[in-house]
Protein backbone atom coordinates (compact mmCIF):
# COMPACT_ATOMS: atom_id res chain seq x y z
CA MET A 1 41.62 46.16 59.40
CA GLN A 2 44.48 43.84 58.46
CA THR A 3 48.24 44.35 58.27
CA TYR A 4 50.42 42.97 55.47
CA ASP A 5 54.13 43.28 54.76
CA PHE A 6 53.43 44.72 51.32
CA ILE A 7 50.38 46.32 49.70
CA ILE A 8 50.30 46.54 45.90
CA VAL A 9 47.78 48.93 44.34
CA GLY A 10 46.90 47.67 40.86
CA SER A 11 47.25 44.22 39.30
CA GLY A 12 48.40 45.21 35.83
CA SER A 13 51.64 44.68 33.94
CA ALA A 14 53.71 45.95 36.86
CA GLY A 15 51.57 44.87 39.81
CA SER A 16 51.23 41.25 38.66
CA VAL A 17 55.00 40.85 38.32
CA VAL A 18 55.74 42.55 41.64
CA ALA A 19 53.14 40.40 43.42
CA GLU A 20 54.72 37.24 42.04
CA ARG A 21 58.24 38.23 43.05
CA LEU A 22 57.39 39.51 46.54
CA SER A 23 55.36 36.41 47.40
CA ALA A 24 57.76 33.87 45.89
CA SER A 25 59.90 33.27 48.99
CA GLY A 26 56.89 32.76 51.26
CA ARG A 27 58.45 35.07 53.85
CA PHE A 28 56.17 38.06 53.26
CA SER A 29 52.43 38.62 53.30
CA VAL A 30 51.25 40.50 50.21
CA LEU A 31 47.93 42.21 49.48
CA VAL A 32 46.96 43.21 45.93
CA LEU A 33 44.13 45.73 45.51
CA GLU A 34 42.48 45.76 42.07
CA ALA A 35 39.77 48.31 41.31
CA GLY A 36 38.27 46.14 38.58
CA GLY A 37 36.99 42.59 38.46
CA SER A 38 38.09 39.20 37.20
CA ASP A 39 39.85 38.55 33.89
CA ARG A 40 37.83 35.36 33.40
CA ARG A 41 35.97 36.79 30.40
CA PHE A 42 35.69 35.30 26.92
CA TYR A 43 36.60 38.47 25.03
CA VAL A 44 39.55 39.07 27.35
CA GLN A 45 40.97 35.59 26.83
CA MET A 46 40.36 35.48 23.05
CA PRO A 47 43.16 37.53 21.43
CA LEU A 48 41.08 39.41 18.84
CA GLY A 49 38.48 40.05 21.54
CA TYR A 50 40.33 43.26 22.40
CA GLY A 51 38.11 44.91 19.80
CA LYS A 52 35.19 44.19 22.16
CA THR A 53 37.01 45.52 25.24
CA PHE A 54 38.22 48.77 23.64
CA PHE A 55 35.18 50.69 24.93
CA ASP A 56 33.69 48.24 27.45
CA PRO A 57 33.26 50.05 30.81
CA ALA A 58 33.16 46.70 32.61
CA VAL A 59 36.89 46.22 31.96
CA ASN A 60 38.06 49.62 30.74
CA TRP A 61 38.38 53.01 32.48
CA ASN A 62 37.63 54.65 29.09
CA TYR A 63 39.56 57.82 29.86
CA LYS A 64 39.25 60.87 27.62
CA THR A 65 41.86 63.57 27.21
CA GLU A 66 41.21 67.27 27.24
CA PRO A 67 40.90 68.77 23.71
CA ASP A 68 44.41 68.73 22.25
CA PRO A 69 45.51 71.86 20.32
CA GLY A 70 48.16 69.77 18.55
CA LEU A 71 45.42 67.50 17.22
CA ALA A 72 43.10 70.25 15.96
CA GLY A 73 41.18 70.25 19.22
CA ASN A 74 40.29 66.57 19.07
CA VAL A 75 39.66 64.53 22.23
CA ASP A 76 41.59 61.27 22.46
CA HIS A 77 40.21 57.99 23.78
CA TRP A 78 42.63 56.46 26.28
CA PRO A 79 41.76 52.82 27.06
CA ARG A 80 43.12 51.62 30.43
CA GLY A 81 42.47 48.18 31.86
CA ARG A 82 40.16 47.86 34.85
CA LEU A 83 40.47 44.16 35.75
CA LEU A 84 43.06 41.59 36.80
CA GLY A 85 45.99 42.03 34.44
CA GLY A 86 45.20 45.72 33.92
CA SER A 87 45.85 47.01 30.43
CA SER A 88 47.69 43.78 29.56
CA SER A 89 44.23 42.15 29.62
CA ILE A 90 42.71 44.49 27.02
CA ASN A 91 45.62 45.63 24.83
CA ALA A 92 46.73 44.35 21.43
CA MET A 93 49.40 42.06 22.97
CA VAL A 94 52.33 43.44 20.95
CA TRP A 95 55.62 42.41 22.58
CA ILE A 96 58.22 45.11 21.93
CA ARG A 97 60.80 46.25 24.48
CA GLY A 98 61.88 49.82 24.96
CA ALA A 99 64.66 51.24 22.82
CA ARG A 100 68.25 50.60 23.90
CA GLU A 101 69.01 54.33 23.74
CA ASP A 102 66.32 55.18 26.30
CA PHE A 103 67.60 52.71 28.87
CA ASP A 104 71.19 53.84 28.31
CA ASP A 105 70.10 57.47 28.76
CA TRP A 106 68.58 56.52 32.15
CA ALA A 107 71.87 54.95 33.23
CA ALA A 108 73.86 57.94 31.98
CA ALA A 109 71.60 60.27 33.99
CA GLY A 110 72.83 58.62 37.18
CA ASN A 111 70.74 55.47 37.48
CA PRO A 112 73.17 52.53 37.63
CA GLY A 113 71.70 49.18 36.67
CA TRP A 114 69.13 50.64 34.25
CA GLY A 115 71.20 50.44 31.07
CA PHE A 116 70.05 48.14 28.29
CA ASP A 117 72.87 45.65 28.80
CA ASP A 118 71.98 45.52 32.50
CA LEU A 119 68.32 44.79 31.73
CA LEU A 120 68.74 42.40 28.79
CA PRO A 121 69.17 39.32 31.06
CA VAL A 122 65.94 40.31 32.85
CA PHE A 123 64.06 40.67 29.56
CA LYS A 124 65.31 37.26 28.41
CA ALA A 125 64.36 35.66 31.75
CA LEU A 126 60.78 36.88 31.32
CA GLU A 127 60.35 35.19 27.96
CA ASP A 128 59.29 31.82 26.69
CA ASN A 129 59.77 32.76 23.06
CA GLN A 130 58.26 30.46 20.45
CA ALA A 131 60.96 31.50 17.97
CA GLY A 132 63.63 30.10 20.29
CA ALA A 133 66.50 31.53 22.29
CA ASP A 134 69.40 33.54 20.93
CA GLN A 135 71.57 36.47 21.99
CA TRP A 136 68.49 38.66 22.44
CA ARG A 137 65.61 36.33 23.29
CA GLY A 138 64.91 33.80 26.03
CA VAL A 139 62.95 30.59 26.56
CA GLY A 140 61.57 28.93 29.68
CA GLY A 141 60.27 32.13 31.29
CA PRO A 142 56.71 32.70 32.52
CA LEU A 143 55.59 34.91 29.59
CA HIS A 144 54.96 33.03 26.35
CA ILE A 145 55.75 34.98 23.17
CA THR A 146 54.14 33.84 19.91
CA ASP A 147 55.90 34.23 16.56
CA CYS A 148 53.35 35.48 13.97
CA SER A 149 55.68 35.66 10.97
CA THR A 150 54.20 32.62 9.21
CA ALA A 151 50.55 33.46 9.90
CA VAL A 152 50.21 36.96 8.49
CA HIS A 153 47.57 38.11 5.98
CA PRO A 154 48.80 38.12 2.34
CA LEU A 155 48.54 41.93 2.24
CA THR A 156 51.11 42.13 5.04
CA LYS A 157 53.77 40.72 2.72
CA ARG A 158 52.95 43.38 0.13
CA TYR A 159 53.13 46.04 2.83
CA LEU A 160 56.59 44.87 3.92
CA ALA A 161 57.77 44.80 0.31
CA ALA A 162 56.52 48.37 -0.17
CA ALA A 163 58.28 49.49 3.00
CA ASN A 164 61.51 47.99 1.71
CA GLN A 165 61.08 49.79 -1.62
CA ALA A 166 60.63 53.03 0.35
CA GLY A 167 63.97 52.52 2.07
CA LEU A 168 62.88 50.95 5.35
CA PRO A 169 64.96 47.84 6.05
CA PHE A 170 63.21 44.55 6.82
CA ASN A 171 63.52 43.79 10.52
CA PRO A 172 62.84 40.14 11.41
CA ASP A 173 62.82 40.84 15.16
CA PHE A 174 61.97 44.15 16.84
CA ASN A 175 63.41 42.68 20.07
CA GLY A 176 66.68 41.83 18.35
CA ALA A 177 69.83 43.82 17.69
CA PHE A 178 67.95 46.95 16.59
CA GLN A 179 64.38 48.23 16.31
CA GLU A 180 64.38 50.35 13.16
CA GLY A 181 62.63 48.95 10.12
CA ALA A 182 59.46 47.17 9.10
CA GLY A 183 58.44 43.64 10.03
CA THR A 184 55.91 41.50 11.88
CA TYR A 185 55.75 41.84 15.63
CA GLN A 186 55.52 39.09 18.23
CA ILE A 187 52.50 38.85 20.51
CA THR A 188 51.87 37.61 24.05
CA THR A 189 49.58 34.64 23.47
CA LYS A 190 49.73 30.92 24.20
CA ASN A 191 47.59 28.13 22.73
CA GLY A 192 45.20 30.65 21.21
CA ARG A 193 44.65 32.60 24.43
CA ARG A 194 45.85 35.99 25.62
CA MET A 195 48.98 35.78 27.78
CA SER A 196 48.33 38.75 30.06
CA ALA A 197 50.47 39.65 33.05
CA ALA A 198 47.73 38.15 35.21
CA ARG A 199 47.90 34.80 33.41
CA ALA A 200 51.71 34.70 33.33
CA PHE A 201 52.50 36.01 36.81
CA LEU A 202 49.54 36.74 39.10
CA ARG A 203 47.39 33.65 38.62
CA PRO A 204 50.23 31.22 39.49
CA ALA A 205 51.16 33.38 42.51
CA MET A 206 47.54 33.40 43.73
CA LYS A 207 47.96 29.73 44.68
CA ARG A 208 50.28 30.83 47.50
CA LYS A 209 48.83 31.29 50.97
CA ASN A 210 50.81 34.49 51.61
CA LEU A 211 49.24 36.38 48.67
CA ARG A 212 45.74 37.86 48.87
CA VAL A 213 44.03 39.55 45.94
CA GLU A 214 41.01 41.80 46.46
CA ILE A 215 39.01 42.70 43.34
CA ASN A 216 36.53 45.57 42.99
CA ALA A 217 38.68 47.36 45.56
CA LEU A 218 39.23 50.99 44.53
CA ALA A 219 42.09 52.65 46.40
CA THR A 220 41.00 56.14 47.42
CA ARG A 221 43.75 57.41 49.73
CA ILE A 222 47.25 56.65 51.00
CA LEU A 223 47.50 56.81 54.78
CA PHE A 224 50.56 58.41 56.36
CA GLU A 225 52.22 58.47 59.76
CA GLY A 226 54.55 61.42 59.65
CA LYS A 227 56.18 61.21 56.23
CA ARG A 228 55.86 57.43 56.01
CA ALA A 229 53.12 55.73 54.00
CA VAL A 230 51.60 53.08 56.25
CA GLY A 231 48.31 52.04 54.67
CA ILE A 232 45.67 52.28 51.96
CA GLU A 233 42.05 53.30 52.30
CA TYR A 234 39.88 51.64 49.67
CA LEU A 235 36.26 51.31 48.65
CA GLN A 236 34.81 47.83 48.12
CA ASN A 237 31.14 46.95 47.63
CA GLY A 238 30.11 50.38 48.94
CA GLU A 239 32.14 49.98 52.15
CA THR A 240 35.25 51.96 53.07
CA LYS A 241 38.04 49.67 54.27
CA THR A 242 41.61 50.08 55.44
CA ALA A 243 44.71 47.90 55.04
CA LEU A 244 48.07 48.58 56.68
CA ALA A 245 51.55 47.79 55.37
CA GLY A 246 54.42 46.91 57.69
CA ARG A 247 57.09 47.29 55.03
CA GLU A 248 56.10 49.03 51.80
CA ILE A 249 53.24 50.23 49.61
CA ILE A 250 53.77 49.84 45.87
CA LEU A 251 51.69 51.99 43.52
CA SER A 252 51.28 50.17 40.21
CA GLY A 253 48.02 51.63 39.00
CA GLY A 254 49.51 52.80 35.73
CA SER A 255 50.57 56.16 34.35
CA ILE A 256 47.19 57.74 35.11
CA ASN A 257 45.88 56.14 38.29
CA SER A 258 49.13 56.09 40.29
CA PRO A 259 49.68 59.88 40.16
CA GLN A 260 45.93 60.35 40.65
CA LEU A 261 46.04 58.38 43.92
CA LEU A 262 49.06 60.40 45.06
CA GLN A 263 47.23 63.64 44.32
CA LEU A 264 44.08 62.47 46.12
CA SER A 265 46.35 61.76 49.09
CA GLY A 266 47.79 65.28 49.09
CA VAL A 267 51.01 64.54 47.22
CA GLY A 268 51.37 66.65 44.08
CA PRO A 269 51.35 70.21 42.68
CA SER A 270 50.17 72.53 45.45
CA ALA A 271 48.26 74.89 43.12
CA LEU A 272 46.31 72.03 41.53
CA LEU A 273 45.48 70.39 44.85
CA GLY A 274 44.38 73.74 46.23
CA THR A 275 41.88 74.28 43.42
CA LEU A 276 40.42 70.83 44.16
CA GLY A 277 40.16 71.44 47.89
CA ILE A 278 42.72 68.76 48.74
CA ALA A 279 45.02 69.52 51.68
CA VAL A 280 48.67 69.48 50.58
CA PHE A 281 50.61 66.82 52.45
CA HIS A 282 53.75 66.98 50.31
CA ALA A 283 54.16 69.44 47.44
CA ASN A 284 55.74 67.97 44.32
CA GLU A 285 55.24 69.55 40.90
CA ASN A 286 56.25 66.36 39.06
CA VAL A 287 53.36 64.20 40.24
CA GLY A 288 51.04 63.93 37.25
CA ALA A 289 53.40 65.79 34.93
CA ASN A 290 55.81 64.80 32.14
CA LEU A 291 53.66 62.01 30.67
CA GLN A 292 54.59 60.98 27.13
CA ASP A 293 52.27 58.88 24.99
CA HIS A 294 52.32 57.54 21.46
CA VAL A 295 49.44 58.53 19.21
CA GLY A 296 47.74 55.85 17.12
CA ILE A 297 46.57 56.79 13.63
CA ASN A 298 44.31 54.61 11.50
CA TYR A 299 44.83 54.54 7.75
CA THR A 300 41.99 53.19 5.62
CA PHE A 301 42.46 51.87 2.07
CA ARG A 302 40.27 50.10 -0.44
CA GLY A 303 41.81 46.71 -1.25
CA ARG A 304 41.55 44.38 -4.22
CA LEU A 305 42.14 41.32 -2.03
CA PRO A 306 39.67 40.28 0.70
CA THR A 307 40.76 41.79 3.99
CA LEU A 308 40.08 40.50 7.47
CA ASN A 309 37.21 43.00 7.77
CA GLN A 310 35.53 41.51 4.71
CA ILE A 311 36.00 37.97 6.00
CA LEU A 312 34.45 38.80 9.38
CA ARG A 313 31.57 40.98 8.13
CA PRO A 314 29.02 38.35 6.93
CA TRP A 315 27.47 35.87 9.35
CA TRP A 316 29.01 32.89 7.58
CA GLY A 317 32.43 34.48 7.88
CA LYS A 318 31.94 34.94 11.60
CA LEU A 319 30.74 31.33 11.86
CA MET A 320 33.75 30.02 9.93
CA VAL A 321 36.42 31.80 11.97
CA GLY A 322 34.48 31.12 15.18
CA MET A 323 34.52 27.37 14.52
CA GLN A 324 38.19 27.56 13.57
CA TYR A 325 38.96 29.23 16.89
CA MET A 326 36.77 27.03 19.10
CA LEU A 327 37.90 23.76 17.53
CA MET A 328 41.57 24.43 16.76
CA ARG A 329 42.48 27.63 18.66
CA SER A 330 43.78 29.10 15.41
CA GLY A 331 42.78 31.50 12.65
CA PRO A 332 42.08 35.24 12.64
CA LEU A 333 40.53 35.29 16.14
């Protein structure tokens, strides 16, 4: 059993950033527990490789929802990253901030410092934007943002023209003055490789002696002394282990796994925990509730121009784009 100043559960988009910031001064010892494995995988690092990770249980929790009455009883597939970088290592890399109105609503609800104008300097400090700095975007930060506007498929230009004809304004930057409209998004890549939170924040921080990262370490329970969280019990290589925190425990396992760990530790809705045979440590009806998600819908059309699917389908197409990627780190991949 070891004691650290801070224990971070989860190395995803939140955990990687928190680990970097907490370890930066060198004053504190920090432990990061990641249930999955390494992000050193070809299809993780290659941007279009996310198509290969979408159902891969080696890097993906592959969650399924209950049948949804609002979706005619269909069951949704919910990919969630299970590796260093979390979902930022398997997602589609789209870089779009939250809407100004949402942040301002948080501030108006009694949360000073969470308004959009308060957070804009933080957003800009994160970025190393290929398109350059302006009132809304930053350069020199740890997270490289690639501008895709000159590299889109020819059909994209027709799509944007059609959107404009339908009354949707062209928006050259969804992270600019406003978000409404149609346009091309920016993505988190650099030199042809995925720029996950692990690559941007965690990997550089792992060079510090005061940061320790344990992979394949599944947190199973929060340990309490009185009402204070003091440690984490986790399973690694078939062995149950314990780590203690002198200062704080940060849960950054995502919108599913963080409330799950709280519930497994007896913090959550008393009725639900009772049905699962979990002793209630602290009743709170909000743990695991109020989740909002955005639903993805695929539209399929027959095109007159060759699409990316048609280019990649034959073996010679795969060979062509593969050579383009391996030799020049460019092209569809």
